[in-house]
């Protein structure tokens, strides 16, 4: 599942780094913290590897 915004892609990247042990899990905040707990490494990789070009900074509510 591709990321819908730049911020979602960045959060997935941080969660993936924590899941792989590159950063400490306690350093995560907000969305990346819940993503790390609820998503598999493959799901995080797919979301984090989304191209940023043309994506909004934040996902709109609509």
PDB file of N, CA and C in Angstrom:
ATOM      1  N   UNK A   1       0.848  -1.169   0.000  1.00  0.00           N
ATOM      2  CA  UNK A   1       0.000   0.000   0.000  1.00  0.00           C
ATOM      3  C   UNK A   1       0.895   1.233   0.000  1.00  0.00           C
ATOM      4  N   UNK A   2       0.786   2.067  -0.993  1.00  0.00           N
ATOM      5  CA  UNK A   2       1.633   3.250  -1.074  1.00  0.00           C
ATOM      6  C   UNK A   2       1.188   4.339  -0.101  1.00  0.00           C
ATOM      7  N   UNK A   3       2.133   5.173   0.307  1.00  0.00           N
ATOM      8  CA  UNK A   3       1.834   6.302   1.188  1.00  0.00           C
ATOM      9  C   UNK A   3       1.001   7.328   0.433  1.00  0.00           C
ATOM     10  N   UNK A   4       0.114   8.006   1.141  1.00  0.00           N
ATOM     11  CA  UNK A   4      -0.745   9.008   0.518  1.00  0.00           C
ATOM     12  C   UNK A   4      -0.188  10.422   0.680  1.00  0.00           C
ATOM     13  N   UNK A   5       0.836  10.588   1.533  1.00  0.00           N
ATOM     14  CA  UNK A   5       1.431  11.904   1.738  1.00  0.00           C
ATOM     15  C   UNK A   5       2.900  11.757   2.115  1.00  0.00           C
ATOM     16  N   UNK A   6       3.615  12.878   2.046  1.00  0.00           N
ATOM     17  CA  UNK A   6       5.025  12.870   2.411  1.00  0.00           C
ATOM     18  C   UNK A   6       5.207  12.538   3.890  1.00  0.00           C
ATOM     19  N   UNK A   7       4.348  13.072   4.746  1.00  0.00           N
ATOM     20  CA  UNK A   7       4.492  12.826   6.177  1.00  0.00           C
ATOM     21  C   UNK A   7       4.217  11.358   6.518  1.00  0.00           C
ATOM     22  N   UNK A   8       3.276  10.748   5.819  1.00  0.00           N
ATOM     23  CA  UNK A   8       2.987   9.331   6.038  1.00  0.00           C
ATOM     24  C   UNK A   8       4.175   8.476   5.599  1.00  0.00           C
ATOM     25  N   UNK A   9       4.813   8.852   4.510  1.00  0.00           N
ATOM     26  CA  UNK A   9       5.971   8.127   4.000  1.00  0.00           C
ATOM     27  C   UNK A   9       7.145   8.239   4.971  1.00  0.00           C
ATOM     28  N   UNK A  10       7.349   9.428   5.533  1.00  0.00           N
ATOM     29  CA  UNK A  10       8.434   9.645   6.494  1.00  0.00           C
ATOM     30  C   UNK A  10       8.193   8.843   7.773  1.00  0.00           C
ATOM     31  N   UNK A  11       6.950   8.814   8.249  1.00  0.00           N
ATOM     32  CA  UNK A  11       6.610   8.059   9.457  1.00  0.00           C
ATOM     33  C   UNK A  11       6.840   6.565   9.237  1.00  0.00           C
ATOM     34  N   UNK A  12       6.495   6.076   8.068  1.00  0.00           N
ATOM     35  CA  UNK A  12       6.711   4.663   7.754  1.00  0.00           C
ATOM     36  C   UNK A  12       8.206   4.353   7.728  1.00  0.00           C
ATOM     37  N   UNK A  13       8.999   5.266   7.216  1.00  0.00           N
ATOM     38  CA  UNK A  13      10.449   5.081   7.190  1.00  0.00           C
ATOM     39  C   UNK A  13      11.030   5.011   8.590  1.00  0.00           C
ATOM     40  N   UNK A  14      10.566   5.860   9.480  1.00  0.00           N
ATOM     41  CA  UNK A  14      11.040   5.846  10.863  1.00  0.00           C
ATOM     42  C   UNK A  14      10.627   4.553  11.563  1.00  0.00           C
ATOM     43  N   UNK A  15       9.389   4.119  11.345  1.00  0.00           N
ATOM     44  CA  UNK A  15       8.905   2.880  11.955  1.00  0.00           C
ATOM     45  C   UNK A  15       9.687   1.676  11.425  1.00  0.00           C
ATOM     46  N   UNK A  16       9.999   1.687  10.159  1.00  0.00           N
ATOM     47  CA  UNK A  16      10.774   0.603   9.558  1.00  0.00           C
ATOM     48  C   UNK A  16      12.180   0.553  10.158  1.00  0.00           C
ATOM     49  N   UNK A  17      12.788   1.694  10.338  1.00  0.00           N
ATOM     50  CA  UNK A  17      14.125   1.752  10.940  1.00  0.00           C
ATOM     51  C   UNK A  17      14.108   1.188  12.358  1.00  0.00           C
ATOM     52  N   UNK A  18      13.065   1.492  13.115  1.00  0.00           N
ATOM     53  CA  UNK A  18      12.949   0.971  14.478  1.00  0.00           C
ATOM     54  C   UNK A  18      12.720  -0.537  14.467  1.00  0.00           C
ATOM     55  N   UNK A  19      11.884  -1.001  13.559  1.00  0.00           N
ATOM     56  CA  UNK A  19      11.600  -2.435  13.472  1.00  0.00           C
ATOM     57  C   UNK A  19      12.862  -3.218  13.116  1.00  0.00           C
ATOM     58  N   UNK A  20      13.715  -2.629  12.287  1.00  0.00           N
ATOM     59  CA  UNK A  20      14.964  -3.285  11.894  1.00  0.00           C
ATOM     60  C   UNK A  20      16.068  -3.118  12.940  1.00  0.00           C
ATOM     61  N   UNK A  21      15.853  -2.246  13.923  1.00  0.00           N
ATOM     62  CA  UNK A  21      16.842  -2.043  14.969  1.00  0.00           C
ATOM     63  C   UNK A  21      17.851  -0.954  14.673  1.00  0.00           C
ATOM     64  N   UNK A  22      17.625  -0.165  13.629  1.00  0.00           N
ATOM     65  CA  UNK A  22      18.540   0.924  13.287  1.00  0.00           C
ATOM     66  C   UNK A  22      18.423   2.095  14.257  1.00  0.00           C
ATOM     67  N   UNK A  23      17.204   2.306  14.786  1.00  0.00           N
ATOM     68  CA  UNK A  23      17.001   3.317  15.823  1.00  0.00           C
ATOM     69  C   UNK A  23      16.228   2.661  16.964  1.00  0.00           C
ATOM     70  N   UNK A  24      16.235   3.280  18.127  1.00  0.00           N
ATOM     71  CA  UNK A  24      15.534   2.715  19.280  1.00  0.00           C
ATOM     72  C   UNK A  24      14.032   2.980  19.178  1.00  0.00           C
ATOM     73  N   UNK A  25      13.233   1.994  19.562  1.00  0.00           N
ATOM     74  CA  UNK A  25      11.782   2.127  19.484  1.00  0.00           C
ATOM     75  C   UNK A  25      11.279   3.257  20.361  1.00  0.00           C
ATOM     76  N   UNK A  26      11.966   3.532  21.456  1.00  0.00           N
ATOM     77  CA  UNK A  26      11.515   4.594  22.362  1.00  0.00           C
ATOM     78  C   UNK A  26      11.690   5.990  21.751  1.00  0.00           C
ATOM     79  N   UNK A  27      12.440   6.098  20.670  1.00  0.00           N
ATOM     80  CA  UNK A  27      12.621   7.381  19.992  1.00  0.00           C
ATOM     81  C   UNK A  27      11.450   7.732  19.078  1.00  0.00           C
ATOM     82  N   UNK A  28      10.572   6.769  18.806  1.00  0.00           N
ATOM     83  CA  UNK A  28       9.430   7.004  17.919  1.00  0.00           C
ATOM     84  C   UNK A  28       8.358   7.820  18.626  1.00  0.00           C
ATOM     85  N   UNK A  29       7.640   8.620  17.835  1.00  0.00           N
ATOM     86  CA  UNK A  29       6.534   9.422  18.360  1.00  0.00           C
ATOM     87  C   UNK A  29       5.357   9.330  17.406  1.00  0.00           C
ATOM     88  N   UNK A  30       4.185   9.547  17.911  1.00  0.00           N
ATOM     89  CA  UNK A  30       2.982   9.659  17.092  1.00  0.00           C
ATOM     90  C   UNK A  30       2.704   8.490  16.172  1.00  0.00           C
ATOM     91  N   UNK A  31       2.478   8.804  14.899  1.00  0.00           N
ATOM     92  CA  UNK A  31       2.061   7.809  13.917  1.00  0.00           C
ATOM     93  C   UNK A  31       3.103   6.721  13.720  1.00  0.00           C
ATOM     94  N   UNK A  32       4.380   7.099  13.739  1.00  0.00           N
ATOM     95  CA  UNK A  32       5.416   6.093  13.507  1.00  0.00           C
ATOM     96  C   UNK A  32       5.438   5.053  14.622  1.00  0.00           C
ATOM     97  N   UNK A  33       5.098   5.462  15.836  1.00  0.00           N
ATOM     98  CA  UNK A  33       5.060   4.535  16.970  1.00  0.00           C
ATOM     99  C   UNK A  33       3.962   3.485  16.779  1.00  0.00           C
ATOM    100  N   UNK A  34       2.780   3.943  16.369  1.00  0.00           N
ATOM    101  CA  UNK A  34       1.684   2.990  16.166  1.00  0.00           C
ATOM    102  C   UNK A  34       1.905   2.149  14.909  1.00  0.00           C
ATOM    103  N   UNK A  35       2.517   2.732  13.885  1.00  0.00           N
ATOM    104  CA  UNK A  35       2.826   1.964  12.672  1.00  0.00           C
ATOM    105  C   UNK A  35       3.786   0.824  12.981  1.00  0.00           C
ATOM    106  N   UNK A  36       4.788   1.084  13.791  1.00  0.00           N
ATOM    107  CA  UNK A  36       5.787   0.077  14.128  1.00  0.00           C
ATOM    108  C   UNK A  36       5.135  -1.120  14.818  1.00  0.00           C
ATOM    109  N   UNK A  37       4.153  -0.840  15.659  1.00  0.00           N
ATOM    110  CA  UNK A  37       3.479  -1.914  16.395  1.00  0.00           C
ATOM    111  C   UNK A  37       2.500  -2.699  15.533  1.00  0.00           C
ATOM    112  N   UNK A  38       1.809  -2.011  14.622  1.00  0.00           N
ATOM    113  CA  UNK A  38       0.698  -2.651  13.923  1.00  0.00           C
ATOM    114  C   UNK A  38       0.995  -3.174  12.524  1.00  0.00           C
ATOM    115  N   UNK A  39       2.122  -2.786  11.930  1.00  0.00           N
ATOM    116  CA  UNK A  39       2.403  -3.176  10.546  1.00  0.00           C
ATOM    117  C   UNK A  39       3.610  -4.102  10.458  1.00  0.00           C
ATOM    118  N   UNK A  40       3.607  -4.948   9.437  1.00  0.00           N
ATOM    119  CA  UNK A  40       4.744  -5.842   9.216  1.00  0.00           C
ATOM    120  C   UNK A  40       5.887  -5.074   8.562  1.00  0.00           C
ATOM    121  N   UNK A  41       7.074  -5.663   8.563  1.00  0.00           N
ATOM    122  CA  UNK A  41       8.230  -5.021   7.940  1.00  0.00           C
ATOM    123  C   UNK A  41       7.991  -4.809   6.448  1.00  0.00           C
ATOM    124  N   UNK A  42       7.344  -5.757   5.783  1.00  0.00           N
ATOM    125  CA  UNK A  42       7.066  -5.626   4.352  1.00  0.00           C
ATOM    126  C   UNK A  42       6.090  -4.480   4.085  1.00  0.00           C
ATOM    127  N   UNK A  43       5.045  -4.370   4.896  1.00  0.00           N
ATOM    128  CA  UNK A  43       4.082  -3.280   4.727  1.00  0.00           C
ATOM    129  C   UNK A  43       4.764  -1.920   4.915  1.00  0.00           C
ATOM    130  N   UNK A  44       5.616  -1.824   5.931  1.00  0.00           N
ATOM    131  CA  UNK A  44       6.333  -0.583   6.183  1.00  0.00           C
ATOM    132  C   UNK A  44       7.283  -0.260   5.032  1.00  0.00           C
ATOM    133  N   UNK A  45       7.958  -1.282   4.524  1.00  0.00           N
ATOM    134  CA  UNK A  45       8.875  -1.076   3.402  1.00  0.00           C
ATOM    135  C   UNK A  45       8.128  -0.562   2.182  1.00  0.00           C
ATOM    136  N   UNK A  46       6.976  -1.163   1.889  1.00  0.00           N
ATOM    137  CA  UNK A  46       6.180  -0.740   0.736  1.00  0.00           C
ATOM    138  C   UNK A  46       5.739   0.714   0.876  1.00  0.00           C
ATOM    139  N   UNK A  47       5.326   1.103   2.080  1.00  0.00           N
ATOM    140  CA  UNK A  47       4.866   2.467   2.306  1.00  0.00           C
ATOM    141  C   UNK A  47       6.043   3.449   2.296  1.00  0.00           C
ATOM    142  N   UNK A  48       7.149   3.075   2.892  1.00  0.00           N
ATOM    143  CA  UNK A  48       8.303   3.966   2.974  1.00  0.00           C
ATOM    144  C   UNK A  48       8.984   4.156   1.626  1.00  0.00           C
ATOM    145  N   UNK A  49       8.859   3.196   0.738  1.00  0.00           N
ATOM    146  CA  UNK A  49       9.535   3.293  -0.555  1.00  0.00           C
ATOM    147  C   UNK A  49       8.707   4.018  -1.613  1.00  0.00           C
ATOM    148  N   UNK A  50       7.554   4.553  -1.230  1.00  0.00           N
ATOM    149  CA  UNK A  50       6.713   5.331  -2.134  1.00  0.00           C
ATOM    150  C   UNK A  50       7.456   6.583  -2.584  1.00  0.00           C
ATOM    151  N   UNK A  51       7.376   6.909  -3.853  1.00  0.00           N
ATOM    152  CA  UNK A  51       7.983   8.137  -4.365  1.00  0.00           C
ATOM    153  C   UNK A  51       7.248   9.348  -3.784  1.00  0.00           C
ATOM    154  N   UNK A  52       7.983  10.393  -3.441  1.00  0.00           N
ATOM    155  CA  UNK A  52       7.388  11.585  -2.844  1.00  0.00           C
ATOM    156  C   UNK A  52       6.888  12.589  -3.872  1.00  0.00           C
ATOM    157  N   UNK A  53       7.382  12.506  -5.081  1.00  0.00           N
ATOM    158  CA  UNK A  53       7.014  13.494  -6.096  1.00  0.00           C
ATOM    159  C   UNK A  53       5.503  13.504  -6.315  1.00  0.00           C
ATOM    160  N   UNK A  54       4.917  14.683  -6.228  1.00  0.00           N
ATOM    161  CA  UNK A  54       3.482  14.834  -6.453  1.00  0.00           C
ATOM    162  C   UNK A  54       2.621  14.543  -5.254  1.00  0.00           C
ATOM    163  N   UNK A  55       3.214  14.181  -4.138  1.00  0.00           N
ATOM    164  CA  UNK A  55       2.440  13.888  -2.925  1.00  0.00           C
ATOM    165  C   UNK A  55       2.260  15.168  -2.112  1.00  0.00           C
ATOM    166  N   UNK A  56       1.109  15.338  -1.476  1.00  0.00           N
ATOM    167  CA  UNK A  56       0.940  16.487  -0.584  1.00  0.00           C
ATOM    168  C   UNK A  56       1.768  16.271   0.685  1.00  0.00           C
ATOM    169  N   UNK A  57       2.078  17.364   1.393  1.00  0.00           N
ATOM    170  CA  UNK A  57       2.832  17.252   2.632  1.00  0.00           C
ATOM    171  C   UNK A  57       2.041  16.444   3.665  1.00  0.00           C
ATOM    172  N   UNK A  58       0.731  16.724   3.769  1.00  0.00           N
ATOM    173  CA  UNK A  58      -0.142  16.007   4.681  1.00  0.00           C
ATOM    174  C   UNK A  58      -1.364  15.533   3.909  1.00  0.00           C
ATOM    175  N   UNK A  59      -1.902  14.400   4.315  1.00  0.00           N
ATOM    176  CA  UNK A  59      -3.091  13.845   3.668  1.00  0.00           C
ATOM    177  C   UNK A  59      -4.312  14.666   4.060  1.00  0.00           C
ATOM    178  N   UNK A  60      -5.147  15.003   3.098  1.00  0.00           N
ATOM    179  CA  UNK A  60      -6.365  15.745   3.403  1.00  0.00           C
ATOM    180  C   UNK A  60      -7.399  14.794   3.996  1.00  0.00           C
ATOM    181  N   UNK A  61      -8.334  15.333   4.738  1.00  0.00           N
ATOM    182  CA  UNK A  61      -9.349  14.511   5.416  1.00  0.00           C
ATOM    183  C   UNK A  61     -10.417  13.996   4.465  1.00  0.00           C
ATOM    184  N   UNK A  62     -10.563  14.579   3.319  1.00  0.00           N
ATOM    185  CA  UNK A  62     -11.639  14.160   2.418  1.00  0.00           C
ATOM    186  C   UNK A  62     -11.290  12.956   1.600  1.00  0.00           C
TER     187      UNK A  62
END
